[in-house]
């Protein structure tokens, strides 16, 4: 598993690969995980018998994932950052991809050009400038159980880019966004997203984590 960090986008290009030695008699290898909304994405077969795929994934969280072999068997990544028990299936251990946030590189400050002093004149008082309202910084909506990177981008495209806005969104509105995005997203249930977002907006991560441990893919178990 090779990682190439993209600081300006706060994301990482990750090359997932399965060696030939682990795939005798295998014709199809797919990867599923938090970063694919748990939908299978096929790896490309290489001439040497191995399988590989490169995905660009947002930084700032840990992702659970596994490989699906010949649409039937499951296997973990030998090069995973670590392994953790699945939050939905306690008897299963998932591979974990850890992608911490990366600060964007600072822009170089150009030195100010020297200017000749201007003649002194009686300046007219200029009217006060209207103060600009600070832009609201988007939140990481993938911290909501059931919301992966693709669904987060759908919500942000619809103007729901913060926990506060998500907490005020009705279940009907959220379902409408998923339906509009296509059949692959209609299976997701947003019934708890607004309530989770309300807790996240308060910054009470301990309470959110405790509740999420009781959920099943963002739904009440």
C-alpha atoms as a PDB file:
ATOM      1  CA  UNK A   1       0.000   0.000   0.000  1.00  0.00           C
ATOM      2  CA  UNK A   2       1.691   3.175  -1.241  1.00  0.00           C
ATOM      3  CA  UNK A   3       0.638   6.681  -0.166  1.00  0.00           C
ATOM      4  CA  UNK A   4       1.308  10.001  -1.895  1.00  0.00           C
ATOM      5  CA  UNK A   5       0.143  13.020   0.103  1.00  0.00           C
ATOM      6  CA  UNK A   6      -1.406  15.985  -1.767  1.00  0.00           C
ATOM      7  CA  UNK A   7      -1.059  18.865   0.765  1.00  0.00           C
ATOM      8  CA  UNK A   8      -2.889  21.488  -1.298  1.00  0.00           C
ATOM      9  CA  UNK A   9      -5.995  19.264  -1.422  1.00  0.00           C
ATOM     10  CA  UNK A  10      -5.539  17.717   2.063  1.00  0.00           C
ATOM     11  CA  UNK A  11      -5.915  14.300   0.466  1.00  0.00           C
ATOM     12  CA  UNK A  12      -3.758  11.274  -0.319  1.00  0.00           C
ATOM     13  CA  UNK A  13      -3.392   9.093  -3.404  1.00  0.00           C
ATOM     14  CA  UNK A  14      -3.307   5.506  -2.161  1.00  0.00           C
ATOM     15  CA  UNK A  15      -2.234   2.548  -4.300  1.00  0.00           C
ATOM     16  CA  UNK A  16      -3.939  -0.616  -3.073  1.00  0.00           C
ATOM     17  CA  UNK A  17      -2.432  -3.853  -4.383  1.00  0.00           C
ATOM     18  CA  UNK A  18      -2.729  -7.603  -3.913  1.00  0.00           C
ATOM     19  CA  UNK A  19       0.327  -9.732  -4.847  1.00  0.00           C
ATOM     20  CA  UNK A  20       0.188 -12.677  -7.228  1.00  0.00           C
ATOM     21  CA  UNK A  21       1.252 -15.072  -4.462  1.00  0.00           C
ATOM     22  CA  UNK A  22      -1.995 -14.418  -2.530  1.00  0.00           C
ATOM     23  CA  UNK A  23      -4.293 -14.749  -5.549  1.00  0.00           C
ATOM     24  CA  UNK A  24      -3.846 -18.198  -7.081  1.00  0.00           C
ATOM     25  CA  UNK A  25      -6.860 -18.957  -9.279  1.00  0.00           C
ATOM     26  CA  UNK A  26      -8.377 -15.506  -8.667  1.00  0.00           C
ATOM     27  CA  UNK A  27     -10.006 -13.573 -11.527  1.00  0.00           C
ATOM     28  CA  UNK A  28     -11.790 -10.718  -9.697  1.00  0.00           C
ATOM     29  CA  UNK A  29     -10.540  -8.577  -6.810  1.00  0.00           C
ATOM     30  CA  UNK A  30     -12.598  -5.662  -5.446  1.00  0.00           C
ATOM     31  CA  UNK A  31     -12.021  -3.249  -2.582  1.00  0.00           C
ATOM     32  CA  UNK A  32     -14.825  -2.081  -0.289  1.00  0.00           C
ATOM     33  CA  UNK A  33     -14.614   0.335   2.610  1.00  0.00           C
ATOM     34  CA  UNK A  34     -15.629   3.609   4.193  1.00  0.00           C
ATOM     35  CA  UNK A  35     -14.074   5.500   1.253  1.00  0.00           C
ATOM     36  CA  UNK A  36     -16.254   3.603  -1.294  1.00  0.00           C
ATOM     37  CA  UNK A  37     -19.465   3.823   0.775  1.00  0.00           C
ATOM     38  CA  UNK A  38     -18.937   0.024   1.136  1.00  0.00           C
ATOM     39  CA  UNK A  39     -19.667  -0.454  -2.569  1.00  0.00           C
ATOM     40  CA  UNK A  40     -17.180  -2.759  -4.374  1.00  0.00           C
ATOM     41  CA  UNK A  41     -14.617  -1.119  -6.688  1.00  0.00           C
ATOM     42  CA  UNK A  42     -12.680  -3.531  -8.913  1.00  0.00           C
ATOM     43  CA  UNK A  43      -8.873  -3.617  -8.956  1.00  0.00           C
ATOM     44  CA  UNK A  44      -7.115  -3.856 -12.319  1.00  0.00           C
ATOM     45  CA  UNK A  45      -5.343  -7.090 -13.194  1.00  0.00           C
ATOM     46  CA  UNK A  46      -1.659  -6.609 -14.105  1.00  0.00           C
ATOM     47  CA  UNK A  47       0.522  -8.692 -16.431  1.00  0.00           C
ATOM     48  CA  UNK A  48       2.485 -10.123 -13.510  1.00  0.00           C
ATOM     49  CA  UNK A  49      -0.709 -11.624 -12.012  1.00  0.00           C
ATOM     50  CA  UNK A  50      -1.161  -9.042  -9.268  1.00  0.00           C
ATOM     51  CA  UNK A  51      -4.118  -6.642  -8.895  1.00  0.00           C
ATOM     52  CA  UNK A  52      -3.894  -2.884  -8.249  1.00  0.00           C
ATOM     53  CA  UNK A  53      -5.907   0.341  -8.041  1.00  0.00           C
ATOM     54  CA  UNK A  54      -5.099   3.970  -7.141  1.00  0.00           C
ATOM     55  CA  UNK A  55      -7.687   6.051  -5.263  1.00  0.00           C
ATOM     56  CA  UNK A  56      -7.538   9.649  -4.025  1.00  0.00           C
ATOM     57  CA  UNK A  57      -8.974   9.778  -0.493  1.00  0.00           C
ATOM     58  CA  UNK A  58      -9.606  12.804   1.796  1.00  0.00           C
ATOM     59  CA  UNK A  59      -7.298  13.121   4.808  1.00  0.00           C
ATOM     60  CA  UNK A  60      -8.402  13.651   8.391  1.00  0.00           C
ATOM     61  CA  UNK A  61      -9.716  10.256   9.527  1.00  0.00           C
ATOM     62  CA  UNK A  62      -9.212   6.493   9.683  1.00  0.00           C
ATOM     63  CA  UNK A  63     -10.981   4.244   7.146  1.00  0.00           C
ATOM     64  CA  UNK A  64     -12.038   0.602   7.513  1.00  0.00           C
ATOM     65  CA  UNK A  65     -11.756  -1.559   4.368  1.00  0.00           C
ATOM     66  CA  UNK A  66     -11.381  -5.129   3.069  1.00  0.00           C
ATOM     67  CA  UNK A  67     -10.831  -6.973  -0.218  1.00  0.00           C
ATOM     68  CA  UNK A  68     -13.508  -9.130  -1.845  1.00  0.00           C
ATOM     69  CA  UNK A  69     -12.063 -12.069  -3.786  1.00  0.00           C
ATOM     70  CA  UNK A  70     -14.026 -13.588  -6.704  1.00  0.00           C
ATOM     71  CA  UNK A  71     -17.165 -11.867  -5.329  1.00  0.00           C
ATOM     72  CA  UNK A  72     -17.234 -14.355  -2.458  1.00  0.00           C
ATOM     73  CA  UNK A  73     -14.214 -14.583  -0.149  1.00  0.00           C
ATOM     74  CA  UNK A  74     -12.890 -11.757   2.041  1.00  0.00           C
ATOM     75  CA  UNK A  75      -9.288 -10.828   2.784  1.00  0.00           C
ATOM     76  CA  UNK A  76      -7.465  -8.060   4.650  1.00  0.00           C
ATOM     77  CA  UNK A  77      -4.547  -5.977   3.362  1.00  0.00           C
ATOM     78  CA  UNK A  78      -1.149  -7.294   4.493  1.00  0.00           C
ATOM     79  CA  UNK A  79       0.179  -3.689   4.435  1.00  0.00           C
ATOM     80  CA  UNK A  80      -2.692  -2.077   6.387  1.00  0.00           C
ATOM     81  CA  UNK A  81      -1.806   0.528   9.015  1.00  0.00           C
ATOM     82  CA  UNK A  82      -3.493  -1.682  11.597  1.00  0.00           C
ATOM     83  CA  UNK A  83      -6.535  -3.927  12.100  1.00  0.00           C
ATOM     84  CA  UNK A  84      -9.719  -3.207  14.083  1.00  0.00           C
ATOM     85  CA  UNK A  85     -12.942  -5.024  14.885  1.00  0.00           C
ATOM     86  CA  UNK A  86     -15.793  -4.082  12.547  1.00  0.00           C
ATOM     87  CA  UNK A  87     -18.295  -1.730  14.282  1.00  0.00           C
ATOM     88  CA  UNK A  88     -21.167  -3.673  12.657  1.00  0.00           C
ATOM     89  CA  UNK A  89     -19.839  -7.239  12.861  1.00  0.00           C
ATOM     90  CA  UNK A  90     -17.892  -7.931  16.097  1.00  0.00           C
ATOM     91  CA  UNK A  91     -16.627 -11.286  14.778  1.00  0.00           C
ATOM     92  CA  UNK A  92     -14.903  -9.618  11.788  1.00  0.00           C
ATOM     93  CA  UNK A  93     -11.604  -7.735  11.775  1.00  0.00           C
ATOM     94  CA  UNK A  94     -11.154  -4.983   9.162  1.00  0.00           C
ATOM     95  CA  UNK A  95      -8.022  -3.437   7.670  1.00  0.00           C
ATOM     96  CA  UNK A  96      -7.511   0.207   8.660  1.00  0.00           C
ATOM     97  CA  UNK A  97      -6.135   3.028   6.486  1.00  0.00           C
ATOM     98  CA  UNK A  98      -5.003   6.013   8.602  1.00  0.00           C
ATOM     99  CA  UNK A  99      -4.861   9.402   6.845  1.00  0.00           C
ATOM    100  CA  UNK A 100      -4.188  12.289   9.266  1.00  0.00           C
ATOM    101  CA  UNK A 101      -4.847  15.862   8.120  1.00  0.00           C
ATOM    102  CA  UNK A 102      -1.964  17.686   6.462  1.00  0.00           C
ATOM    103  CA  UNK A 103      -1.525  21.458   6.637  1.00  0.00           C
ATOM    104  CA  UNK A 104      -1.416  23.247   3.289  1.00  0.00           C
ATOM    105  CA  UNK A 105       2.009  24.673   2.380  1.00  0.00           C
ATOM    106  CA  UNK A 106       2.317  28.355   3.250  1.00  0.00           C
ATOM    107  CA  UNK A 107       2.479  30.743   0.303  1.00  0.00           C
ATOM    108  CA  UNK A 108       5.646  32.803  -0.071  1.00  0.00           C
ATOM    109  CA  UNK A 109       5.146  36.466   0.830  1.00  0.00           C
ATOM    110  CA  UNK A 110       6.421  38.832  -1.846  1.00  0.00           C
ATOM    111  CA  UNK A 111       8.418  41.806  -0.555  1.00  0.00           C
ATOM    112  CA  UNK A 112       6.627  45.126  -0.883  1.00  0.00           C
ATOM    113  CA  UNK A 113       7.890  47.434  -3.613  1.00  0.00           C
ATOM    114  CA  UNK A 114       9.465  50.689  -2.481  1.00  0.00           C
ATOM    115  CA  UNK A 115       7.447  53.739  -3.555  1.00  0.00           C
ATOM    116  CA  UNK A 116       8.411  57.390  -3.655  1.00  0.00           C
ATOM    117  CA  UNK A 117       6.840  59.559  -0.921  1.00  0.00           C
ATOM    118  CA  UNK A 118       3.734  61.368  -2.082  1.00  0.00           C
ATOM    119  CA  UNK A 119       3.159  65.079  -1.625  1.00  0.00           C
ATOM    120  CA  UNK A 120       1.213  65.879   1.507  1.00  0.00           C
ATOM    121  CA  UNK A 121      -2.395  66.779   0.783  1.00  0.00           C
ATOM    122  CA  UNK A 122      -5.416  67.245   2.922  1.00  0.00           C
ATOM    123  CA  UNK A 123      -7.131  63.915   2.644  1.00  0.00           C
ATOM    124  CA  UNK A 124     -10.895  63.691   2.756  1.00  0.00           C
ATOM    125  CA  UNK A 125     -12.192  61.291   5.354  1.00  0.00           C
ATOM    126  CA  UNK A 126     -13.197  58.078   3.637  1.00  0.00           C
ATOM    127  CA  UNK A 127     -16.474  56.416   4.565  1.00  0.00           C
ATOM    128  CA  UNK A 128     -16.125  53.410   6.880  1.00  0.00           C
ATOM    129  CA  UNK A 129     -15.865  50.102   5.049  1.00  0.00           C
ATOM    130  CA  UNK A 130     -18.496  47.506   5.721  1.00  0.00           C
ATOM    131  CA  UNK A 131     -17.023  44.686   7.765  1.00  0.00           C
ATOM    132  CA  UNK A 132     -16.926  41.343   6.012  1.00  0.00           C
ATOM    133  CA  UNK A 133     -18.659  38.428   7.621  1.00  0.00           C
ATOM    134  CA  UNK A 134     -16.172  35.605   8.177  1.00  0.00           C
ATOM    135  CA  UNK A 135     -16.749  32.621   5.941  1.00  0.00           C
ATOM    136  CA  UNK A 136     -18.031  29.537   7.722  1.00  0.00           C
ATOM    137  CA  UNK A 137     -15.430  26.764   7.584  1.00  0.00           C
ATOM    138  CA  UNK A 138     -16.884  23.450   6.305  1.00  0.00           C
ATOM    139  CA  UNK A 139     -16.962  20.573   8.802  1.00  0.00           C
ATOM    140  CA  UNK A 140     -15.806  16.996   8.192  1.00  0.00           C
ATOM    141  CA  UNK A 141     -19.243  15.439   7.678  1.00  0.00           C
ATOM    142  CA  UNK A 142     -17.706  11.936   7.426  1.00  0.00           C
ATOM    143  CA  UNK A 143     -17.563  11.962  11.240  1.00  0.00           C
ATOM    144  CA  UNK A 144     -21.308  11.279  11.099  1.00  0.00           C
ATOM    145  CA  UNK A 145     -21.979   7.532  11.161  1.00  0.00           C
ATOM    146  CA  UNK A 146     -23.360   6.518   7.737  1.00  0.00           C
ATOM    147  CA  UNK A 147     -21.821   9.472   5.855  1.00  0.00           C
ATOM    148  CA  UNK A 148     -18.786   8.624   3.734  1.00  0.00           C
ATOM    149  CA  UNK A 149     -16.677  10.920   1.501  1.00  0.00           C
ATOM    150  CA  UNK A 150     -18.995  10.629  -1.520  1.00  0.00           C
ATOM    151  CA  UNK A 151     -22.176  11.358   0.452  1.00  0.00           C
ATOM    152  CA  UNK A 152     -20.387  14.219   2.244  1.00  0.00           C
ATOM    153  CA  UNK A 153     -19.597  15.786  -1.139  1.00  0.00           C
ATOM    154  CA  UNK A 154     -23.258  15.388  -2.184  1.00  0.00           C
ATOM    155  CA  UNK A 155     -24.413  17.181   0.981  1.00  0.00           C
ATOM    156  CA  UNK A 156     -21.880  19.999   0.508  1.00  0.00           C
ATOM    157  CA  UNK A 157     -22.933  20.412  -3.126  1.00  0.00           C
ATOM    158  CA  UNK A 158     -26.473  20.953  -1.809  1.00  0.00           C
ATOM    159  CA  UNK A 159     -25.301  23.648   0.625  1.00  0.00           C
ATOM    160  CA  UNK A 160     -25.048  21.387   3.702  1.00  0.00           C
ATOM    161  CA  UNK A 161     -21.363  21.844   4.579  1.00  0.00           C
ATOM    162  CA  UNK A 162     -21.457  22.151   8.400  1.00  0.00           C
ATOM    163  CA  UNK A 163     -22.706  20.074  11.324  1.00  0.00           C
ATOM    164  CA  UNK A 164     -25.104  22.908  12.228  1.00  0.00           C
ATOM    165  CA  UNK A 165     -26.741  22.929   8.773  1.00  0.00           C
ATOM    166  CA  UNK A 166     -26.957  19.137   8.750  1.00  0.00           C
ATOM    167  CA  UNK A 167     -28.570  19.173  12.213  1.00  0.00           C
ATOM    168  CA  UNK A 168     -31.331  21.434  10.828  1.00  0.00           C
ATOM    169  CA  UNK A 169     -31.952  19.312   7.719  1.00  0.00           C
ATOM    170  CA  UNK A 170     -35.075  17.152   7.676  1.00  0.00           C
ATOM    171  CA  UNK A 171     -34.938  13.448   6.900  1.00  0.00           C
ATOM    172  CA  UNK A 172     -37.110  14.157   3.839  1.00  0.00           C
ATOM    173  CA  UNK A 173     -34.568  16.674   2.515  1.00  0.00           C
ATOM    174  CA  UNK A 174     -31.651  14.288   3.049  1.00  0.00           C
ATOM    175  CA  UNK A 175     -33.470  11.395   1.376  1.00  0.00           C
ATOM    176  CA  UNK A 176     -34.206  13.689  -1.562  1.00  0.00           C
ATOM    177  CA  UNK A 177     -30.488  14.394  -1.994  1.00  0.00           C
ATOM    178  CA  UNK A 178     -29.695  10.661  -1.965  1.00  0.00           C
ATOM    179  CA  UNK A 179     -32.486   9.836  -4.425  1.00  0.00           C
ATOM    180  CA  UNK A 180     -31.335  12.590  -6.784  1.00  0.00           C
ATOM    181  CA  UNK A 181     -27.764  11.161  -6.693  1.00  0.00           C
ATOM    182  CA  UNK A 182     -28.843   7.795  -8.086  1.00  0.00           C
ATOM    183  CA  UNK A 183     -29.768   4.250  -7.095  1.00  0.00           C
ATOM    184  CA  UNK A 184     -26.419   3.425  -5.403  1.00  0.00           C
ATOM    185  CA  UNK A 185     -27.130   6.048  -2.729  1.00  0.00           C
ATOM    186  CA  UNK A 186     -30.831   5.320  -2.141  1.00  0.00           C
ATOM    187  CA  UNK A 187     -30.015   2.365   0.131  1.00  0.00           C
ATOM    188  CA  UNK A 188     -28.575   4.708   2.802  1.00  0.00           C
ATOM    189  CA  UNK A 189     -30.780   5.714   5.722  1.00  0.00           C
ATOM    190  CA  UNK A 190     -30.301   9.323   6.951  1.00  0.00           C
ATOM    191  CA  UNK A 191     -32.740   9.048   9.870  1.00  0.00           C
ATOM    192  CA  UNK A 192     -30.070   9.760  12.544  1.00  0.00           C
ATOM    193  CA  UNK A 193     -27.773  12.127  10.645  1.00  0.00           C
ATOM    194  CA  UNK A 194     -29.382  15.352  11.881  1.00  0.00           C
ATOM    195  CA  UNK A 195     -29.366  14.151  15.509  1.00  0.00           C
ATOM    196  CA  UNK A 196     -25.716  13.069  15.248  1.00  0.00           C
ATOM    197  CA  UNK A 197     -24.803  16.405  13.656  1.00  0.00           C
ATOM    198  CA  UNK A 198     -26.476  18.280  16.515  1.00  0.00           C
ATOM    199  CA  UNK A 199     -24.151  16.535  18.991  1.00  0.00           C
ATOM    200  CA  UNK A 200     -21.129  17.081  16.703  1.00  0.00           C
ATOM    201  CA  UNK A 201     -21.949  20.800  16.403  1.00  0.00           C
ATOM    202  CA  UNK A 202     -21.625  21.066  20.193  1.00  0.00           C
ATOM    203  CA  UNK A 203     -18.229  19.362  20.058  1.00  0.00           C
ATOM    204  CA  UNK A 204     -19.381  16.599  22.412  1.00  0.00           C
ATOM    205  CA  UNK A 205     -17.367  13.847  20.671  1.00  0.00           C
ATOM    206  CA  UNK A 206     -17.501  11.498  23.655  1.00  0.00           C
ATOM    207  CA  UNK A 207     -21.316  11.454  23.600  1.00  0.00           C
ATOM    208  CA  UNK A 208     -21.344  11.090  19.798  1.00  0.00           C
ATOM    209  CA  UNK A 209     -18.913   8.149  19.883  1.00  0.00           C
ATOM    210  CA  UNK A 210     -20.966   6.416  22.578  1.00  0.00           C
ATOM    211  CA  UNK A 211     -24.135   6.703  20.498  1.00  0.00           C
ATOM    212  CA  UNK A 212     -22.423   5.712  17.236  1.00  0.00           C
ATOM    213  CA  UNK A 213     -21.238   2.496  18.892  1.00  0.00           C
ATOM    214  CA  UNK A 214     -24.931   1.610  19.205  1.00  0.00           C
ATOM    215  CA  UNK A 215     -25.764   2.413  15.559  1.00  0.00           C
ATOM    216  CA  UNK A 216     -25.584   0.087  12.572  1.00  0.00           C
ATOM    217  CA  UNK A 217     -24.329   1.967   9.503  1.00  0.00           C
ATOM    218  CA  UNK A 218     -25.924   5.186  10.757  1.00  0.00           C
ATOM    219  CA  UNK A 219     -29.228   3.501  11.641  1.00  0.00           C
ATOM    220  CA  UNK A 220     -30.652   2.595  15.034  1.00  0.00           C
ATOM    221  CA  UNK A 221     -29.843  -1.070  15.516  1.00  0.00           C
END
